[in-house]
C-alpha atoms as a PDB file:
ATOM      1  CA  MET A   1     -10.716  13.749   2.825  1.00  0.00           C
ATOM      2  CA  ALA A   2      -9.238  11.036   0.640  1.00  0.00           C
ATOM      3  CA  LYS A   3     -11.546   8.340  -0.627  1.00  0.00           C
ATOM      4  CA  GLY A   4     -10.818   5.071  -2.350  1.00  0.00           C
ATOM      5  CA  GLU A   5     -12.270   1.851  -3.625  1.00  0.00           C
ATOM      6  CA  CYS A   6     -11.462  -1.492  -5.129  1.00  0.00           C
ATOM      7  CA  ASN A   7     -11.572  -2.044  -8.908  1.00  0.00           C
ATOM      8  CA  CYS A   8     -15.267  -2.976  -8.947  1.00  0.00           C
ATOM      9  CA  GLY A   9     -16.367  -0.501  -6.267  1.00  0.00           C
ATOM     10  CA  SER A  10     -17.703  -3.052  -3.794  1.00  0.00           C
ATOM     11  CA  VAL A  11     -15.149  -2.137  -1.126  1.00  0.00           C
ATOM     12  CA  LYS A  12     -14.859   1.587  -0.276  1.00  0.00           C
ATOM     13  CA  PHE A  13     -12.965   3.521   2.395  1.00  0.00           C
ATOM     14  CA  GLU A  14     -12.191   7.021   3.595  1.00  0.00           C
ATOM     15  CA  ILE A  15      -9.080   8.675   5.062  1.00  0.00           C
ATOM     16  CA  LYS A  16      -9.661  11.712   7.301  1.00  0.00           C
ATOM     17  CA  SER A  17      -6.091  12.974   7.185  1.00  0.00           C
ATOM     18  CA  LYS A  18      -4.332  14.512   4.190  1.00  0.00           C
ATOM     19  CA  VAL A  19      -2.153  11.918   2.425  1.00  0.00           C
ATOM     20  CA  SER A  20       0.943  12.830   0.487  1.00  0.00           C
ATOM     21  CA  ASP A  21       3.931  10.504   0.953  1.00  0.00           C
ATOM     22  CA  VAL A  22       3.949   7.311  -1.107  1.00  0.00           C
ATOM     23  CA  PHE A  23       6.136   4.413  -0.093  1.00  0.00           C
ATOM     24  CA  ILE A  24       7.032   1.879  -2.794  1.00  0.00           C
ATOM     25  CA  CYS A  25       8.107  -1.531  -1.584  1.00  0.00           C
ATOM     26  CA  HIS A  26      10.238  -3.481  -4.108  1.00  0.00           C
ATOM     27  CA  CYS A  27      10.635  -6.681  -2.059  1.00  0.00           C
ATOM     28  CA  SER A  28      10.051 -10.027  -3.742  1.00  0.00           C
ATOM     29  CA  ILE A  29       6.966 -10.739  -1.596  1.00  0.00           C
ATOM     30  CA  CYS A  30       5.231  -7.536  -2.716  1.00  0.00           C
ATOM     31  CA  ARG A  31       6.269  -8.126  -6.360  1.00  0.00           C
ATOM     32  CA  LYS A  32       4.635 -11.580  -6.284  1.00  0.00           C
ATOM     33  CA  SER A  33       1.593 -10.219  -4.500  1.00  0.00           C
ATOM     34  CA  THR A  34       0.943  -7.572  -7.114  1.00  0.00           C
ATOM     35  CA  GLY A  35       2.535  -9.128 -10.183  1.00  0.00           C
ATOM     36  CA  SER A  36       4.403  -5.907 -10.769  1.00  0.00           C
ATOM     37  CA  GLY A  37       7.586  -4.199  -9.574  1.00  0.00           C
ATOM     38  CA  GLY A  38       6.229  -3.844  -6.045  1.00  0.00           C
ATOM     39  CA  ILE A  39       3.435  -1.970  -4.286  1.00  0.00           C
ATOM     40  CA  ALA A  40       2.895   1.778  -3.753  1.00  0.00           C
ATOM     41  CA  VAL A  41       1.189   2.586  -0.475  1.00  0.00           C
ATOM     42  CA  VAL A  42       0.393   5.467   1.875  1.00  0.00           C
ATOM     43  CA  ILE A  43       0.552   4.994   5.620  1.00  0.00           C
ATOM     44  CA  VAL A  44      -2.231   6.434   7.765  1.00  0.00           C
ATOM     45  CA  LEU A  45      -3.198   6.282  11.402  1.00  0.00           C
ATOM     46  CA  ASN A  46      -5.858   3.683  12.197  1.00  0.00           C
ATOM     47  CA  SER A  47      -7.996   6.445  13.704  1.00  0.00           C
ATOM     48  CA  ASP A  48      -7.941   8.351  10.401  1.00  0.00           C
ATOM     49  CA  PHE A  49      -9.093   5.337   8.335  1.00  0.00           C
ATOM     50  CA  SER A  50     -12.647   3.984   8.028  1.00  0.00           C
ATOM     51  CA  TRP A  51     -14.395   1.443   5.846  1.00  0.00           C
ATOM     52  CA  VAL A  52     -17.465   2.799   4.051  1.00  0.00           C
ATOM     53  CA  THR A  53     -18.684  -0.442   2.422  1.00  0.00           C
ATOM     54  CA  GLY A  54     -17.509  -3.986   1.903  1.00  0.00           C
ATOM     55  CA  GLU A  55     -15.294  -4.629   4.940  1.00  0.00           C
ATOM     56  CA  GLU A  56     -16.896  -8.053   5.247  1.00  0.00           C
ATOM     57  CA  LEU A  57     -15.751  -8.864   1.715  1.00  0.00           C
ATOM     58  CA  ILE A  58     -12.012  -8.614   2.554  1.00  0.00           C
ATOM     59  CA  GLN A  59      -9.880 -11.692   2.245  1.00  0.00           C
ATOM     60  CA  LYS A  60      -6.450 -11.977   3.925  1.00  0.00           C
ATOM     61  CA  TRP A  61      -3.451 -14.133   3.240  1.00  0.00           C
ATOM     62  CA  ALA A  62      -0.357 -14.409   5.383  1.00  0.00           C
ATOM     63  CA  LYS A  63       3.003 -15.689   4.022  1.00  0.00           C
ATOM     64  CA  PRO A  64       4.010 -18.699   6.068  1.00  0.00           C
ATOM     65  CA  GLY A  65       7.119 -18.065   8.155  1.00  0.00           C
ATOM     66  CA  HIS A  66       6.865 -14.252   7.805  1.00  0.00           C
ATOM     67  CA  ASP A  67       5.037 -11.431   9.539  1.00  0.00           C
ATOM     68  CA  TRP A  68       3.756 -10.269   6.107  1.00  0.00           C
ATOM     69  CA  GLU A  69       0.052 -10.290   5.339  1.00  0.00           C
ATOM     70  CA  THR A  70      -1.964  -9.007   2.418  1.00  0.00           C
ATOM     71  CA  SER A  71      -5.624  -8.011   2.151  1.00  0.00           C
ATOM     72  CA  PHE A  72      -7.535  -8.249  -1.116  1.00  0.00           C
ATOM     73  CA  TYR A  73     -11.021  -8.576  -2.587  1.00  0.00           C
ATOM     74  CA  LYS A  74     -11.416 -12.011  -4.125  1.00  0.00           C
ATOM     75  CA  CYS A  75     -13.991 -10.976  -6.716  1.00  0.00           C
ATOM     76  CA  CYS A  76     -12.035  -8.220  -8.485  1.00  0.00           C
ATOM     77  CA  GLY A  77      -8.566  -8.997  -7.234  1.00  0.00           C
ATOM     78  CA  SER A  78      -7.814  -5.514  -5.885  1.00  0.00           C
ATOM     79  CA  PRO A  79      -5.193  -5.307  -3.120  1.00  0.00           C
ATOM     80  CA  LEU A  80      -6.838  -3.620  -0.143  1.00  0.00           C
ATOM     81  CA  PRO A  81      -5.724  -1.636   2.914  1.00  0.00           C
ATOM     82  CA  GLY A  82      -4.445  -3.630   5.833  1.00  0.00           C
ATOM     83  CA  ALA A  83      -2.661  -3.351   9.174  1.00  0.00           C
ATOM     84  CA  ASP A  84       0.835  -1.964   8.986  1.00  0.00           C
ATOM     85  CA  SER A  85       1.237  -1.966  12.770  1.00  0.00           C
ATOM     86  CA  GLN A  86      -1.017  -1.663  15.806  1.00  0.00           C
ATOM     87  CA  SER A  87      -1.468   2.067  15.151  1.00  0.00           C
ATOM     88  CA  HIS A  88      -1.176   2.399  11.305  1.00  0.00           C
ATOM     89  CA  MET A  89      -2.761   1.125   8.123  1.00  0.00           C
ATOM     90  CA  TYR A  90      -1.183   0.741   4.714  1.00  0.00           C
ATOM     91  CA  VAL A  91      -3.382   1.822   1.820  1.00  0.00           C
ATOM     92  CA  PRO A  92      -2.462   0.888  -1.754  1.00  0.00           C
ATOM     93  CA  ALA A  93      -2.029   4.255  -3.430  1.00  0.00           C
ATOM     94  CA  GLY A  94      -3.663   3.174  -6.684  1.00  0.00           C
ATOM     95  CA  LEU A  95      -7.033   2.681  -4.877  1.00  0.00           C
ATOM     96  CA  ILE A  96      -7.249   6.351  -3.863  1.00  0.00           C
ATOM     97  CA  SER A  97      -9.787   7.981  -6.171  1.00  0.00           C
ATOM     98  CA  ALA A  98     -10.455  11.330  -4.440  1.00  0.00           C
ATOM     99  CA  ASP A  99      -7.887  13.787  -3.041  1.00  0.00           C
ATOM    100  CA  ALA A 100      -4.975  11.950  -4.646  1.00  0.00           C
ATOM    101  CA  GLU A 101      -3.449  15.030  -6.315  1.00  0.00           C
ATOM    102  CA  HIS A 102      -1.093  15.534  -3.336  1.00  0.00           C
ATOM    103  CA  LEU A 103       0.495  12.081  -3.641  1.00  0.00           C
ATOM    104  CA  LYS A 104       4.243  11.955  -4.359  1.00  0.00           C
ATOM    105  CA  VAL A 105       6.709   9.119  -4.096  1.00  0.00           C
ATOM    106  CA  ALA A 106       8.800   9.844  -1.004  1.00  0.00           C
ATOM    107  CA  HIS A 107      10.507   6.492  -0.320  1.00  0.00           C
ATOM    108  CA  HIS A 108      11.522   3.324  -2.137  1.00  0.00           C
ATOM    109  CA  LEU A 109      11.911   0.340   0.237  1.00  0.00           C
ATOM    110  CA  TRP A 110      13.865  -2.890  -0.242  1.00  0.00           C
ATOM    111  CA  VAL A 111      15.689  -1.424  -3.267  1.00  0.00           C
ATOM    112  CA  ASN A 112      18.343  -4.158  -2.867  1.00  0.00           C
ATOM    113  CA  SER A 113      15.589  -6.665  -3.673  1.00  0.00           C
ATOM    114  CA  LYS A 114      14.041  -4.924  -6.670  1.00  0.00           C
ATOM    115  CA  ALA A 115      13.572  -6.778  -9.932  1.00  0.00           C
ATOM    116  CA  GLY A 116      16.537  -6.579 -12.337  1.00  0.00           C
ATOM    117  CA  TRP A 117      14.310  -5.130 -15.057  1.00  0.00           C
ATOM    118  CA  GLU A 118      12.957  -2.328 -12.881  1.00  0.00           C
ATOM    119  CA  VAL A 119      14.415   1.216 -13.107  1.00  0.00           C
ATOM    120  CA  ILE A 120      13.616   3.742 -10.379  1.00  0.00           C
ATOM    121  CA  GLY A 121      13.227   7.057 -12.137  1.00  0.00           C
ATOM    122  CA  ASP A 122      11.875   9.506  -9.544  1.00  0.00           C
ATOM    123  CA  SER A 123      13.370  11.476  -6.708  1.00  0.00           C
ATOM    124  CA  GLY A 124      12.015   9.334  -3.871  1.00  0.00           C
ATOM    125  CA  GLN A 125      14.655   8.403  -1.228  1.00  0.00           C
ATOM    126  CA  GLN A 126      15.991   4.916  -1.803  1.00  0.00           C
ATOM    127  CA  HIS A 127      16.432   2.534   1.110  1.00  0.00           C
ATOM    128  CA  PRO A 128      18.369  -0.737   0.701  1.00  0.00           C
ATOM    129  CA  GLU A 129      15.933  -2.585   2.973  1.00  0.00           C
ATOM    130  CA  ALA A 130      13.059  -1.479   5.179  1.00  0.00           C
ATOM    131  CA  PHE A 131      12.359   2.198   5.816  1.00  0.00           C
ATOM    132  CA  SER A 132      14.360   3.819   8.583  1.00  0.00           C
ATOM    133  CA  SER A 133      13.823   7.407   9.616  1.00  0.00           C
ATOM    134  CA  GLU A 134      17.521   7.481  10.393  1.00  0.00           C
ATOM    135  CA  ALA A 135      18.541   6.767   6.759  1.00  0.00           C
END
């Protein structure tokens, strides 16, 4: 079982399923949200995810004019898991503190939007825009 927490430990969660594939989004929205080259996440079924502590501490912000939303803890600034769809959650990979040894970058999303200074140096499949299982 994978476990994770925010930077200060106030918000904790568990993932019942084994996690392995990491998706890195390089879009400008994710770059601005994290202040880095993008965000690395794992995708899990809602039924495999549960909050342990701190769910009431979560703050959300939606980008006006987009369907994009981020979740974070306002006290320590950690990005937090959020809804990816009606059936899945995205979980920032850097929050996973137990059972993370299986994680491997599998996909880079929105590569056409990545920062000019960023170099992708792993074997993850690169997608010009959003992930497509047909790519």
